[in-house]
C-alpha atoms as a PDB file:
ATOM      1  CA  MET A   1       0.167  -0.179  -0.378  1.00  0.00           C
ATOM      2  CA  SER A   2       1.634   3.199  -1.264  1.00  0.00           C
ATOM      3  CA  LYS A   3       2.099   5.934   1.983  1.00  0.00           C
ATOM      4  CA  PHE A   4       0.523   8.637  -0.366  1.00  0.00           C
ATOM      5  CA  ASP A   5      -2.940   9.714  -1.333  1.00  0.00           C
ATOM      6  CA  ASN A   6      -2.695  10.279  -4.759  1.00  0.00           C
ATOM      7  CA  ASP A   7       0.200  10.818  -7.385  1.00  0.00           C
ATOM      8  CA  PHE A   8       0.469  14.688  -6.710  1.00  0.00           C
ATOM      9  CA  GLN A   9       1.855  13.965  -2.858  1.00  0.00           C
ATOM     10  CA  GLY A  10       4.436  11.457  -4.244  1.00  0.00           C
ATOM     11  CA  LYS A  11       5.387  13.486  -6.967  1.00  0.00           C
ATOM     12  CA  MET A  12       6.274  16.534  -5.045  1.00  0.00           C
ATOM     13  CA  GLU A  13       7.796  14.696  -2.248  1.00  0.00           C
ATOM     14  CA  SER A  14      10.079  13.017  -4.438  1.00  0.00           C
ATOM     15  CA  HIS A  15      10.942  16.355  -6.039  1.00  0.00           C
ATOM     16  CA  LEU A  16      11.432  17.830  -2.663  1.00  0.00           C
ATOM     17  CA  ILE A  17      13.937  15.245  -1.563  1.00  0.00           C
ATOM     18  CA  GLU A  18      15.845  16.065  -4.737  1.00  0.00           C
ATOM     19  CA  PHE A  19      15.730  19.721  -4.374  1.00  0.00           C
ATOM     20  CA  LYS A  20      16.836  19.174  -0.441  1.00  0.00           C
ATOM     21  CA  GLU A  21      19.911  17.107  -1.539  1.00  0.00           C
ATOM     22  CA  LYS A  22      21.073  18.418  -4.864  1.00  0.00           C
ATOM     23  CA  LYS A  23      20.104  22.287  -4.612  1.00  0.00           C
ATOM     24  CA  GLN A  24      20.499  22.655  -0.496  1.00  0.00           C
ATOM     25  CA  TYR A  25      23.525  19.632  -0.256  1.00  0.00           C
ATOM     26  CA  LEU A  26      21.703  18.593   2.918  1.00  0.00           C
ATOM     27  CA  LEU A  27      21.943  14.405   2.765  1.00  0.00           C
ATOM     28  CA  SER A  28      20.467  12.514   5.082  1.00  0.00           C
ATOM     29  CA  LYS A  29      22.446   9.335   6.878  1.00  0.00           C
ATOM     30  CA  SER A  30      18.941   7.352   6.553  1.00  0.00           C
ATOM     31  CA  ALA A  31      17.119   6.542   3.318  1.00  0.00           C
ATOM     32  CA  LYS A  32      13.844   6.966   5.516  1.00  0.00           C
ATOM     33  CA  LYS A  33      14.599  10.040   6.875  1.00  0.00           C
ATOM     34  CA  LYS A  34      15.430  11.842   3.667  1.00  0.00           C
ATOM     35  CA  CYS A  35      11.909  13.533   3.766  1.00  0.00           C
ATOM     36  CA  PHE A  36      12.988  15.121   7.079  1.00  0.00           C
ATOM     37  CA  TYR A  37      15.209  18.013   7.430  1.00  0.00           C
ATOM     38  CA  SER A  38      17.646  17.592  10.701  1.00  0.00           C
ATOM     39  CA  GLU A  39      17.158  21.331  11.040  1.00  0.00           C
ATOM     40  CA  LEU A  40      14.082  23.456  10.959  1.00  0.00           C
ATOM     41  CA  SER A  41      15.930  26.551   9.632  1.00  0.00           C
ATOM     42  CA  ASP A  42      16.965  24.742   6.534  1.00  0.00           C
ATOM     43  CA  ASN A  43      13.382  23.995   5.728  1.00  0.00           C
ATOM     44  CA  LEU A  44      12.883  27.615   5.321  1.00  0.00           C
ATOM     45  CA  PHE A  45      13.432  30.028   2.672  1.00  0.00           C
ATOM     46  CA  PRO A  46      16.859  31.528   3.296  1.00  0.00           C
ATOM     47  CA  PRO A  47      16.403  35.174   3.833  1.00  0.00           C
ATOM     48  CA  ILE A  48      13.768  34.557   6.313  1.00  0.00           C
ATOM     49  CA  ARG A  49      15.709  32.073   8.511  1.00  0.00           C
ATOM     50  CA  HIS A  50      17.226  34.087  11.320  1.00  0.00           C
ATOM     51  CA  GLY A  51      13.724  36.302  11.424  1.00  0.00           C
ATOM     52  CA  PHE A  52      11.406  33.928  11.549  1.00  0.00           C
ATOM     53  CA  MET A  53      13.019  31.578  14.038  1.00  0.00           C
ATOM     54  CA  GLN A  54      13.083  34.729  16.161  1.00  0.00           C
ATOM     55  CA  TYR A  55       9.174  34.884  15.838  1.00  0.00           C
ATOM     56  CA  ILE A  56       8.951  31.467  16.988  1.00  0.00           C
ATOM     57  CA  ASN A  57      11.004  32.403  20.222  1.00  0.00           C
ATOM     58  CA  GLU A  58       8.947  35.379  20.557  1.00  0.00           C
ATOM     59  CA  THR A  59       5.584  34.580  19.671  1.00  0.00           C
ATOM     60  CA  GLY A  60       5.819  30.933  21.325  1.00  0.00           C
ATOM     61  CA  MET A  61       4.089  29.783  17.603  1.00  0.00           C
ATOM     62  CA  PRO A  62       2.906  26.066  18.082  1.00  0.00           C
ATOM     63  CA  LEU A  63       4.705  23.985  15.339  1.00  0.00           C
ATOM     64  CA  HIS A  64       3.240  21.005  14.049  1.00  0.00           C
ATOM     65  CA  ASP A  65       4.605  17.354  15.057  1.00  0.00           C
ATOM     66  CA  TYR A  66       6.233  17.545  11.251  1.00  0.00           C
ATOM     67  CA  VAL A  67       7.185  20.895  10.819  1.00  0.00           C
ATOM     68  CA  ASN A  68      10.669  19.270   9.579  1.00  0.00           C
ATOM     69  CA  HIS A  69       8.961  17.083   6.728  1.00  0.00           C
ATOM     70  CA  VAL A  70       9.845  18.411   3.094  1.00  0.00           C
ATOM     71  CA  ARG A  71       5.865  18.485   2.686  1.00  0.00           C
ATOM     72  CA  SER A  72       4.950  20.456   5.839  1.00  0.00           C
ATOM     73  CA  SER A  73       1.827  22.643   4.910  1.00  0.00           C
ATOM     74  CA  GLN A  74       3.048  24.958   7.917  1.00  0.00           C
ATOM     75  CA  VAL A  75       6.537  25.456   6.333  1.00  0.00           C
ATOM     76  CA  TYR A  76       4.604  25.945   2.836  1.00  0.00           C
ATOM     77  CA  CYS A  77       2.541  28.868   4.614  1.00  0.00           C
ATOM     78  CA  VAL A  78       5.727  30.490   6.255  1.00  0.00           C
ATOM     79  CA  ASN A  79       7.777  30.423   2.959  1.00  0.00           C
ATOM     80  CA  VAL A  80       5.150  31.928   1.061  1.00  0.00           C
ATOM     81  CA  PHE A  81       3.831  34.508   3.689  1.00  0.00           C
ATOM     82  CA  TYR A  82       6.767  35.548   6.067  1.00  0.00           C
ATOM     83  CA  TYR A  83       8.838  37.153   3.554  1.00  0.00           C
ATOM     84  CA  LEU A  84       6.094  39.351   2.359  1.00  0.00           C
ATOM     85  CA  LEU A  85       4.962  40.245   5.919  1.00  0.00           C
ATOM     86  CA  ALA A  86       8.251  41.508   6.840  1.00  0.00           C
ATOM     87  CA  TYR A  87       9.685  43.022   3.593  1.00  0.00           C
ATOM     88  CA  LYS A  88       6.965  43.178   0.964  1.00  0.00           C
ATOM     89  CA  GLN A  89       4.046  44.314   2.484  1.00  0.00           C
ATOM     90  CA  GLU A  90       2.940  46.591  -0.147  1.00  0.00           C
ATOM     91  CA  CYS A  91       2.761  43.344  -2.618  1.00  0.00           C
ATOM     92  CA  LEU A  92       0.775  41.703  -0.089  1.00  0.00           C
ATOM     93  CA  MET A  93      -1.637  44.486   0.401  1.00  0.00           C
ATOM     94  CA  LYS A  94      -2.234  44.697  -3.337  1.00  0.00           C
ATOM     95  CA  ILE A  95      -2.560  40.843  -3.985  1.00  0.00           C
ATOM     96  CA  PHE A  96      -5.271  40.832  -1.177  1.00  0.00           C
ATOM     97  CA  SER A  97      -6.889  44.299  -2.367  1.00  0.00           C
ATOM     98  CA  LYS A  98      -7.612  42.711  -5.370  1.00  0.00           C
ATOM     99  CA  LEU A  99      -8.771  39.281  -3.972  1.00  0.00           C
ATOM    100  CA  ILE A 100     -11.648  40.676  -1.449  1.00  0.00           C
ATOM    101  CA  LYS A 101     -12.332  43.591  -3.781  1.00  0.00           C
ATOM    102  CA  ARG A 102     -11.499  46.426  -0.502  1.00  0.00           C
ATOM    103  CA  GLU A 103      -8.939  48.552  -0.573  1.00  0.00           C
ATOM    104  CA  LEU A 104      -6.120  47.758   1.963  1.00  0.00           C
ATOM    105  CA  ASN A 105      -3.746  50.522   3.298  1.00  0.00           C
ATOM    106  CA  LYS A 106      -1.651  49.226   5.765  1.00  0.00           C
ATOM    107  CA  ILE A 107      -1.095  45.955   7.588  1.00  0.00           C
ATOM    108  CA  ILE A 108      -1.446  46.330  11.641  1.00  0.00           C
ATOM    109  CA  GLY A 109      -0.671  42.936  12.920  1.00  0.00           C
ATOM    110  CA  PHE A 110      -0.101  39.077  12.022  1.00  0.00           C
ATOM    111  CA  GLU A 111      -0.166  36.185  13.601  1.00  0.00           C
ATOM    112  CA  PHE A 112       0.793  32.446  12.269  1.00  0.00           C
ATOM    113  CA  GLU A 113      -1.153  29.471  13.951  1.00  0.00           C
ATOM    114  CA  TYR A 114      -3.915  31.768  14.815  1.00  0.00           C
ATOM    115  CA  SER A 115      -6.322  30.173  17.560  1.00  0.00           C
ATOM    116  CA  PRO A 116      -8.882  32.700  19.590  1.00  0.00           C
ATOM    117  CA  GLU A 117      -8.021  33.005  23.376  1.00  0.00           C
ATOM    118  CA  LYS A 118     -11.389  33.632  24.544  1.00  0.00           C
ATOM    119  CA  ASN A 119     -13.494  30.287  24.098  1.00  0.00           C
ATOM    120  CA  ILE A 120     -15.608  31.988  21.437  1.00  0.00           C
ATOM    121  CA  LEU A 121     -16.517  28.476  19.673  1.00  0.00           C
ATOM    122  CA  GLY A 122     -17.341  27.013  22.903  1.00  0.00           C
ATOM    123  CA  GLU A 123     -14.381  24.256  22.626  1.00  0.00           C
ATOM    124  CA  TRP A 124     -13.196  24.016  26.229  1.00  0.00           C
ATOM    125  CA  LYS A 125     -15.059  23.779  29.161  1.00  0.00           C
ATOM    126  CA  SER A 126     -14.245  26.963  31.104  1.00  0.00           C
ATOM    127  CA  GLU A 127     -11.991  29.942  30.470  1.00  0.00           C
ATOM    128  CA  ASN A 128      -9.294  28.121  32.823  1.00  0.00           C
ATOM    129  CA  ASN A 129      -9.791  25.122  30.908  1.00  0.00           C
ATOM    130  CA  ARG A 130      -8.273  25.646  27.519  1.00  0.00           C
ATOM    131  CA  PRO A 131      -7.316  22.527  25.693  1.00  0.00           C
ATOM    132  CA  GLU A 132      -3.828  22.212  23.851  1.00  0.00           C
ATOM    133  CA  GLU A 133      -5.446  20.378  21.022  1.00  0.00           C
ATOM    134  CA  TYR A 134      -8.716  20.541  19.171  1.00  0.00           C
ATOM    135  CA  VAL A 135      -9.303  24.097  18.882  1.00  0.00           C
ATOM    136  CA  THR A 136     -10.004  25.828  15.619  1.00  0.00           C
ATOM    137  CA  ALA A 137      -7.104  27.551  14.283  1.00  0.00           C
ATOM    138  CA  VAL A 138      -6.064  28.703  10.981  1.00  0.00           C
ATOM    139  CA  ASP A 139      -2.563  28.848   9.715  1.00  0.00           C
ATOM    140  CA  LEU A 140      -2.114  32.720   9.393  1.00  0.00           C
ATOM    141  CA  ARG A 141      -4.620  35.604  10.645  1.00  0.00           C
ATOM    142  CA  ILE A 142      -3.480  39.170   9.229  1.00  0.00           C
ATOM    143  CA  ASP A 143      -5.232  42.316  10.537  1.00  0.00           C
ATOM    144  CA  PHE A 144      -5.453  45.505   7.434  1.00  0.00           C
ATOM    145  CA  SER A 145      -6.373  48.709   7.896  1.00  0.00           C
ATOM    146  CA  THR A 146      -8.182  51.115   5.217  1.00  0.00           C
ATOM    147  CA  ILE A 147      -7.695  54.377   4.722  1.00  0.00           C
ATOM    148  CA  GLY A 148     -10.417  55.498   6.770  1.00  0.00           C
ATOM    149  CA  ASN A 149      -8.734  52.985   9.158  1.00  0.00           C
ATOM    150  CA  LYS A 150     -11.582  50.453   9.283  1.00  0.00           C
ATOM    151  CA  VAL A 151      -9.796  46.900  10.480  1.00  0.00           C
ATOM    152  CA  ILE A 152     -10.360  44.273   8.039  1.00  0.00           C
ATOM    153  CA  THR A 153      -9.177  40.434   8.938  1.00  0.00           C
ATOM    154  CA  ILE A 154      -8.121  37.869   6.629  1.00  0.00           C
ATOM    155  CA  LEU A 155      -7.990  34.483   7.865  1.00  0.00           C
ATOM    156  CA  ILE A 156      -5.621  32.084   5.718  1.00  0.00           C
ATOM    157  CA  GLU A 157      -5.980  28.301   5.880  1.00  0.00           C
ATOM    158  CA  THR A 158      -2.903  26.630   3.558  1.00  0.00           C
ATOM    159  CA  LYS A 159      -3.359  23.506   1.929  1.00  0.00           C
ATOM    160  CA  PHE A 160       0.114  22.056   0.173  1.00  0.00           C
ATOM    161  CA  THR A 161      -0.323  18.393  -0.674  1.00  0.00           C
ATOM    162  CA  GLU A 162      -3.254  17.529   1.549  1.00  0.00           C
ATOM    163  CA  SER A 163      -5.829  15.621  -0.049  1.00  0.00           C
ATOM    164  CA  SER A 164      -8.638  16.708   2.123  1.00  0.00           C
ATOM    165  CA  PHE A 165     -10.010  18.627   4.678  1.00  0.00           C
ATOM    166  CA  THR A 166     -10.269  17.590   8.709  1.00  0.00           C
ATOM    167  CA  SER A 167     -13.381  15.570   8.874  1.00  0.00           C
ATOM    168  CA  CYS A 168     -15.712  16.095  11.588  1.00  0.00           C
ATOM    169  CA  GLY A 169     -14.694  14.927  14.991  1.00  0.00           C
ATOM    170  CA  GLY A 170     -18.208  14.519  16.459  1.00  0.00           C
ATOM    171  CA  PHE A 171     -19.572  11.914  13.201  1.00  0.00           C
ATOM    172  CA  ASN A 172     -16.030   9.808  14.180  1.00  0.00           C
ATOM    173  CA  SER A 173     -16.411  10.052  17.922  1.00  0.00           C
ATOM    174  CA  GLY A 174     -17.283   6.585  19.622  1.00  0.00           C
ATOM    175  CA  ALA A 175     -19.797   8.257  22.025  1.00  0.00           C
ATOM    176  CA  ASN A 176     -21.986   9.259  19.514  1.00  0.00           C
ATOM    177  CA  GLN A 177     -25.007   6.736  19.814  1.00  0.00           C
ATOM    178  CA  GLY A 178     -28.541   6.979  19.362  1.00  0.00           C
ATOM    179  CA  ASP A 179     -30.281  10.078  18.602  1.00  0.00           C
ATOM    180  CA  THR A 180     -27.275  12.138  18.028  1.00  0.00           C
ATOM    181  CA  ARG A 181     -26.357   9.864  15.583  1.00  0.00           C
ATOM    182  CA  ASN A 182     -29.477   9.519  13.876  1.00  0.00           C
ATOM    183  CA  VAL A 183     -28.881  13.479  12.972  1.00  0.00           C
ATOM    184  CA  CYS A 184     -25.647  12.534  11.437  1.00  0.00           C
ATOM    185  CA  GLU A 185     -27.289  10.287   8.872  1.00  0.00           C
ATOM    186  CA  HIS A 186     -30.755  12.170   8.845  1.00  0.00           C
ATOM    187  CA  SER A 187     -29.080  15.973   7.895  1.00  0.00           C
ATOM    188  CA  GLU A 188     -32.515  17.292   7.054  1.00  0.00           C
ATOM    189  CA  LEU A 189     -33.173  17.166  10.942  1.00  0.00           C
ATOM    190  CA  LEU A 190     -30.433  20.206  11.118  1.00  0.00           C
ATOM    191  CA  ILE A 191     -32.511  22.410   9.133  1.00  0.00           C
ATOM    192  CA  GLY A 192     -35.164  22.793  11.967  1.00  0.00           C
ATOM    193  CA  ASP A 193     -32.864  22.683  14.948  1.00  0.00           C
ATOM    194  CA  TYR A 194     -29.056  22.979  14.527  1.00  0.00           C
ATOM    195  CA  ARG A 195     -28.571  22.092  18.222  1.00  0.00           C
ATOM    196  CA  LYS A 196     -29.521  18.441  17.588  1.00  0.00           C
ATOM    197  CA  CYS A 197     -25.913  18.339  16.321  1.00  0.00           C
ATOM    198  CA  TYR A 198     -23.889  16.261  18.546  1.00  0.00           C
ATOM    199  CA  LEU A 199     -21.325  18.896  18.728  1.00  0.00           C
ATOM    200  CA  ASN A 200     -23.807  21.942  18.985  1.00  0.00           C
ATOM    201  CA  GLY A 201     -25.710  21.184  21.807  1.00  0.00           C
ATOM    202  CA  ALA A 202     -27.203  17.778  21.539  1.00  0.00           C
ATOM    203  CA  LYS A 203     -23.945  16.679  23.481  1.00  0.00           C
ATOM    204  CA  LEU A 204     -21.540  19.169  23.454  1.00  0.00           C
ATOM    205  CA  LYS A 205     -21.577  22.856  23.488  1.00  0.00           C
ATOM    206  CA  ARG A 206     -19.672  23.858  20.587  1.00  0.00           C
ATOM    207  CA  LYS A 207     -20.733  27.046  18.625  1.00  0.00           C
ATOM    208  CA  TYR A 208     -19.769  26.627  15.220  1.00  0.00           C
ATOM    209  CA  PHE A 209     -23.850  27.184  14.341  1.00  0.00           C
ATOM    210  CA  ASN A 210     -25.635  29.954  15.992  1.00  0.00           C
ATOM    211  CA  GLU A 211     -28.475  32.076  15.489  1.00  0.00           C
ATOM    212  CA  ILE A 212     -26.578  34.333  12.970  1.00  0.00           C
ATOM    213  CA  PHE A 213     -24.929  31.415  11.127  1.00  0.00           C
ATOM    214  CA  ASN A 214     -26.320  28.034  10.781  1.00  0.00           C
ATOM    215  CA  PRO A 215     -27.621  25.506   8.032  1.00  0.00           C
ATOM    216  CA  GLN A 216     -31.242  27.140   7.455  1.00  0.00           C
ATOM    217  CA  LYS A 217     -29.954  30.269   7.122  1.00  0.00           C
ATOM    218  CA  ASP A 218     -26.480  30.251   5.392  1.00  0.00           C
ATOM    219  CA  PHE A 219     -26.625  26.782   3.431  1.00  0.00           C
ATOM    220  CA  LYS A 220     -28.867  25.512   0.843  1.00  0.00           C
ATOM    221  CA  LYS A 221     -31.499  22.951   2.010  1.00  0.00           C
ATOM    222  CA  GLU A 222     -31.060  20.317  -1.225  1.00  0.00           C
ATOM    223  CA  ASN A 223     -27.384  19.773   0.920  1.00  0.00           C
ATOM    224  CA  PHE A 224     -29.441  18.222   3.704  1.00  0.00           C
ATOM    225  CA  ILE A 225     -30.267  15.100   2.428  1.00  0.00           C
ATOM    226  CA  GLY A 226     -29.331  11.987   4.252  1.00  0.00           C
ATOM    227  CA  ALA A 227     -25.517  12.071   5.487  1.00  0.00           C
ATOM    228  CA  CYS A 228     -24.285  15.361   6.860  1.00  0.00           C
ATOM    229  CA  PRO A 229     -22.711  17.386   4.298  1.00  0.00           C
ATOM    230  CA  PHE A 230     -20.025  18.290   7.014  1.00  0.00           C
ATOM    231  CA  ILE A 231     -18.748  14.911   7.573  1.00  0.00           C
ATOM    232  CA  GLU A 232     -15.518  15.086   5.299  1.00  0.00           C
ATOM    233  CA  ASN A 233     -15.004  19.294   5.493  1.00  0.00           C
ATOM    234  CA  HIS A 234     -15.587  20.140   8.770  1.00  0.00           C
ATOM    235  CA  GLN A 235     -12.255  22.163   8.765  1.00  0.00           C
ATOM    236  CA  CYS A 236     -14.185  24.396   6.511  1.00  0.00           C
ATOM    237  CA  LEU A 237     -17.150  25.209   8.730  1.00  0.00           C
ATOM    238  CA  ARG A 238     -15.462  25.595  11.408  1.00  0.00           C
ATOM    239  CA  ASN A 239     -12.498  27.858  10.087  1.00  0.00           C
ATOM    240  CA  HIS A 240     -16.106  29.877   8.157  1.00  0.00           C
ATOM    241  CA  SER A 241     -17.567  29.845  11.585  1.00  0.00           C
ATOM    242  CA  LEU A 242     -14.734  31.742  13.680  1.00  0.00           C
ATOM    243  CA  ALA A 243     -14.611  34.283  10.275  1.00  0.00           C
ATOM    244  CA  GLN A 244     -18.267  34.905  11.061  1.00  0.00           C
ATOM    245  CA  ILE A 245     -17.855  35.350  14.836  1.00  0.00           C
ATOM    246  CA  LEU A 246     -14.845  37.817  14.487  1.00  0.00           C
ATOM    247  CA  ASN A 247     -16.821  39.522  11.682  1.00  0.00           C
ATOM    248  CA  GLU A 248     -19.292  41.090  14.483  1.00  0.00           C
ATOM    249  CA  GLU A 249     -15.864  43.047  15.717  1.00  0.00           C
ATOM    250  CA  ASN A 250     -13.966  43.343  12.513  1.00  0.00           C
ATOM    251  CA  GLU A 251     -14.726  43.044   8.819  1.00  0.00           C
ATOM    252  CA  THR A 252     -13.581  39.074   8.181  1.00  0.00           C
ATOM    253  CA  TYR A 253     -12.581  37.176   5.077  1.00  0.00           C
ATOM    254  CA  PHE A 254     -11.871  33.216   5.013  1.00  0.00           C
ATOM    255  CA  VAL A 255      -9.474  32.465   2.425  1.00  0.00           C
ATOM    256  CA  LEU A 256      -7.693  29.073   1.233  1.00  0.00           C
ATOM    257  CA  MET A 257      -4.293  29.503  -0.153  1.00  0.00           C
ATOM    258  CA  HIS A 258      -3.454  26.284  -2.054  1.00  0.00           C
ATOM    259  CA  HIS A 259      -1.075  25.046  -4.415  1.00  0.00           C
ATOM    260  CA  ASP A 260      -2.043  25.203  -7.998  1.00  0.00           C
ATOM    261  CA  ASP A 261      -1.735  21.432  -8.727  1.00  0.00           C
ATOM    262  CA  ASN A 262      -3.543  20.043  -5.750  1.00  0.00           C
ATOM    263  CA  ILE A 263      -6.730  18.990  -7.787  1.00  0.00           C
ATOM    264  CA  GLU A 264      -8.084  17.121  -4.918  1.00  0.00           C
ATOM    265  CA  ILE A 265      -8.372  19.797  -2.365  1.00  0.00           C
ATOM    266  CA  MET A 266     -10.049  22.154  -4.514  1.00  0.00           C
ATOM    267  CA  GLU A 267     -12.648  19.522  -5.249  1.00  0.00           C
ATOM    268  CA  TYR A 268     -13.417  19.603  -1.435  1.00  0.00           C
ATOM    269  CA  TRP A 269     -13.073  23.416  -1.290  1.00  0.00           C
ATOM    270  CA  LYS A 270     -15.590  23.948  -4.336  1.00  0.00           C
ATOM    271  CA  LYS A 271     -18.227  21.620  -2.621  1.00  0.00           C
ATOM    272  CA  TYR A 272     -18.119  23.478   0.430  1.00  0.00           C
ATOM    273  CA  LYS A 273     -18.403  26.919  -1.484  1.00  0.00           C
ATOM    274  CA  ALA A 274     -21.363  25.464  -3.817  1.00  0.00           C
ATOM    275  CA  MET A 275     -23.221  24.586  -0.250  1.00  0.00           C
ATOM    276  CA  LEU A 276     -23.290  28.197   0.486  1.00  0.00           C
ATOM    277  CA  ASN A 277     -26.152  30.716   0.288  1.00  0.00           C
ATOM    278  CA  ASN A 278     -23.578  33.727   0.205  1.00  0.00           C
ATOM    279  CA  ASP A 279     -19.825  33.003  -0.513  1.00  0.00           C
ATOM    280  CA  SER A 280     -19.055  36.748  -0.278  1.00  0.00           C
ATOM    281  CA  MET A 281     -16.845  36.101   2.449  1.00  0.00           C
ATOM    282  CA  VAL A 282     -15.179  33.259   1.709  1.00  0.00           C
ATOM    283  CA  PHE A 283     -12.231  33.249  -1.417  1.00  0.00           C
ATOM    284  CA  GLU A 284      -9.377  30.975  -2.411  1.00  0.00           C
ATOM    285  CA  ILE A 285      -5.838  32.045  -4.065  1.00  0.00           C
ATOM    286  CA  ALA A 286      -3.320  29.828  -5.750  1.00  0.00           C
ATOM    287  CA  ALA A 287       0.194  30.318  -4.560  1.00  0.00           C
ATOM    288  CA  SER A 288       1.431  31.282  -7.955  1.00  0.00           C
ATOM    289  CA  GLU A 289      -1.116  34.186  -7.767  1.00  0.00           C
ATOM    290  CA  ILE A 290       0.867  35.511  -5.204  1.00  0.00           C
ATOM    291  CA  VAL A 291       4.246  34.497  -5.800  1.00  0.00           C
ATOM    292  CA  ASP A 292       4.410  35.948  -9.595  1.00  0.00           C
ATOM    293  CA  ASN A 293       3.059  39.212  -7.983  1.00  0.00           C
ATOM    294  CA  VAL A 294       5.906  39.958  -5.997  1.00  0.00           C
ATOM    295  CA  ASN A 295       8.799  41.958  -7.201  1.00  0.00           C
ATOM    296  CA  ASP A 296      11.766  40.141  -6.231  1.00  0.00           C
ATOM    297  CA  ASP A 297      13.345  37.606  -8.986  1.00  0.00           C
ATOM    298  CA  ASN A 298      14.811  35.732  -6.289  1.00  0.00           C
ATOM    299  CA  TYR A 299      11.898  34.972  -4.506  1.00  0.00           C
ATOM    300  CA  ARG A 300       9.790  34.054  -7.558  1.00  0.00           C
ATOM    301  CA  LYS A 301      12.393  31.872  -9.117  1.00  0.00           C
ATOM    302  CA  TYR A 302      12.899  29.955  -5.568  1.00  0.00           C
ATOM    303  CA  TYR A 303       9.419  29.133  -5.077  1.00  0.00           C
ATOM    304  CA  ARG A 304       9.138  28.006  -8.643  1.00  0.00           C
ATOM    305  CA  ASP A 305      12.144  25.790  -8.341  1.00  0.00           C
ATOM    306  CA  ARG A 306      11.234  24.425  -4.788  1.00  0.00           C
ATOM    307  CA  TYR A 307       7.772  23.851  -4.909  1.00  0.00           C
ATOM    308  CA  LEU A 308       7.106  23.314  -8.779  1.00  0.00           C
ATOM    309  CA  MET A 309       5.061  26.360  -9.011  1.00  0.00           C
ATOM    310  CA  PRO A 310       3.550  26.864 -12.919  1.00  0.00           C
ATOM    311  CA  ASN A 311       5.133  30.216 -14.724  1.00  0.00           C
ATOM    312  CA  ALA A 312       2.731  33.543 -14.917  1.00  0.00           C
END
């Protein structure tokens, strides 16, 4: 059985190992560990190595278990965005201004691996009992301001070679039995009352749905026939819900940044967007649309060479 979910993952890993050994001259003693960097900094775009390692130290940024892997999605996000946040903010503002059709004037803050400090999604039992895991997070939050000093927040989820989004933990829970499981198989019941969902009130007290954002109001009813439509892309729902709650304070958008050749992840994303009654706060952008709009030849060449991005 292959360790890869699809041909794209295998192709990209093989290329990245070759890039690591032949372009960076970093060899592994063990053949089984060729897909890992021995030093995290070696996995980073060279001009950001010092600055980003300092950022990790200063912010206590949570690192993924496989952050040293050549296919690390977390490092992919950092390699694309940190250089721009540190040195090319004008480019980044132009790119996102065009994407969301808002005139962004200044970057006022950013955070990698952002998750809310307050229990706004009902994911822990009390304010004094915040869990380290299973809290909804996005790969990057950027706060912009407009000329009129209005704050606009963009939540960015990055997918590199992943073949799918995180599935629903409630559906997969062994404790989900009886009436709450019935709703998972007969999702039309959610149209009348979203609190029948195992996660959103029937058992747990999550707030992915509320009176403002819920199946009856924000999603097309034809999606709720038989099995719950969120089983395989619950991550999209959670991040969208987080954006909706933050939108009550600042204008907020949820953006997927994806590798151009990752066809499978885009199929899931398109299915999610097709369920929405209104997708005006949900956007996607291919990595090449960012890289090719940065006025730096070395930056563009590095990403095309390393990540096999298509030329503009």
